[in-house]
Amino acid sequence: MTLADLKTKNLIKGASFDVIKGVADVAAKENSIKVALDKIDGEVADLALELGPYKDSGASIIRSIEETLQGLEDGLIRTQAMKGH
């Protein structure tokens, strides 16, 4: 049953309908944000840093971070875009 059905059948009236519709609209927007954030989280979780040896020191350095940084920046931009809506 939809909100329109409830209103048509006079199960909710006036201000109650507007309150319920407002809550439903907010919940729908929150769900779409959650789905988008879950997608971004999955994409970022798959990013990996490639480590390589640093000279003969026994230490490691990060190599080829461009792809990782690009993925993180893409996620950040999409997250900031959601905040603006």
Protein backbone atom coordinates (compact mmCIF):
# COMPACT_ATOMS: atom_id res chain seq x y z
CA MET A 1 0.00 0.00 0.00
CA THR A 2 1.33 3.43 -0.93
CA LEU A 3 0.85 6.80 0.75
CA ALA A 4 -1.48 7.74 -2.08
CA ASP A 5 -3.60 4.66 -1.29
CA LEU A 6 -3.77 5.65 2.37
CA LYS A 7 -4.88 9.17 1.48
CA THR A 8 -7.40 8.00 -1.15
CA LYS A 9 -8.99 5.57 1.31
CA ASN A 10 -9.08 8.31 3.96
CA LEU A 11 -6.96 6.25 6.35
CA ILE A 12 -4.85 9.30 7.09
CA LYS A 13 -5.89 12.91 6.77
CA GLY A 14 -4.55 16.43 6.73
CA ALA A 15 -1.43 17.15 8.72
CA SER A 16 -0.89 13.48 9.56
CA PHE A 17 -0.48 12.68 5.88
CA ASP A 18 2.01 15.51 5.44
CA VAL A 19 4.05 14.36 8.46
CA ILE A 20 4.10 10.74 7.26
CA LYS A 21 5.03 11.83 3.73
CA GLY A 22 7.83 14.01 5.10
CA VAL A 23 9.24 11.13 7.16
CA ALA A 24 8.99 8.78 4.17
CA ASP A 25 10.79 11.28 1.92
CA VAL A 26 13.62 11.69 4.44
CA ALA A 27 13.90 7.92 4.88
CA ALA A 28 14.09 7.40 1.11
CA LYS A 29 16.85 10.01 0.82
CA GLU A 30 18.77 8.47 3.75
CA ASN A 31 18.52 5.06 2.10
CA SER A 32 19.84 6.35 -1.22
CA ILE A 33 22.77 7.98 0.61
CA LYS A 34 23.48 4.75 2.50
CA VAL A 35 23.46 2.73 -0.73
CA ALA A 36 25.84 5.23 -2.38
CA LEU A 37 28.17 5.26 0.64
CA ASP A 38 28.19 1.45 0.76
CA LYS A 39 29.18 1.42 -2.92
CA ILE A 40 31.99 3.93 -2.31
CA ASP A 41 33.14 1.92 0.72
CA GLY A 42 33.34 -1.23 -1.38
CA GLU A 43 35.33 0.53 -4.08
CA VAL A 44 37.78 2.06 -1.61
CA ALA A 45 38.17 -1.24 0.26
CA ASP A 46 39.47 -2.81 -2.95
CA LEU A 47 42.25 -0.23 -3.29
CA ALA A 48 45.69 -1.45 -2.36
CA LEU A 49 49.08 0.13 -1.91
CA GLU A 50 51.98 -1.50 -3.68
CA LEU A 51 55.08 -1.69 -1.51
CA GLY A 52 58.60 -2.19 -2.70
CA PRO A 53 62.04 -2.31 -1.11
CA TYR A 54 63.86 0.94 -0.47
CA LYS A 55 67.45 0.54 -1.58
CA ASP A 56 69.27 -1.89 0.69
CA SER A 57 67.81 -0.46 3.89
CA GLY A 58 65.33 -3.24 4.64
CA ALA A 59 62.55 -0.62 4.67
CA SER A 60 59.67 -0.45 2.21
CA ILE A 61 58.30 2.44 0.19
CA ILE A 62 54.94 2.96 -1.48
CA ARG A 63 55.00 2.61 -5.26
CA SER A 64 52.48 3.66 -7.89
CA ILE A 65 49.98 5.45 -5.70
CA GLU A 66 48.28 7.37 -8.53
CA GLU A 67 45.48 4.83 -8.99
CA THR A 68 44.90 4.61 -5.24
CA LEU A 69 44.81 8.39 -4.84
CA GLN A 70 42.45 8.72 -7.82
CA GLY A 71 40.06 6.18 -6.28
CA LEU A 72 40.12 7.97 -2.93
CA GLU A 73 39.57 11.36 -4.58
CA ASP A 74 36.65 10.00 -6.61
CA GLY A 75 35.02 8.69 -3.43
CA LEU A 76 35.60 11.99 -1.65
CA ILE A 77 34.09 14.01 -4.49
CA ARG A 78 31.00 11.78 -4.63
CA THR A 79 30.62 12.03 -0.84
CA GLN A 80 30.90 15.82 -0.94
CA ALA A 81 28.33 15.94 -3.74
CA MET A 82 25.87 14.01 -1.53
CA LYS A 83 26.38 16.55 1.25
CA GLY A 84 25.37 19.35 -1.10
CA HIS A 85 21.95 17.85 -1.81
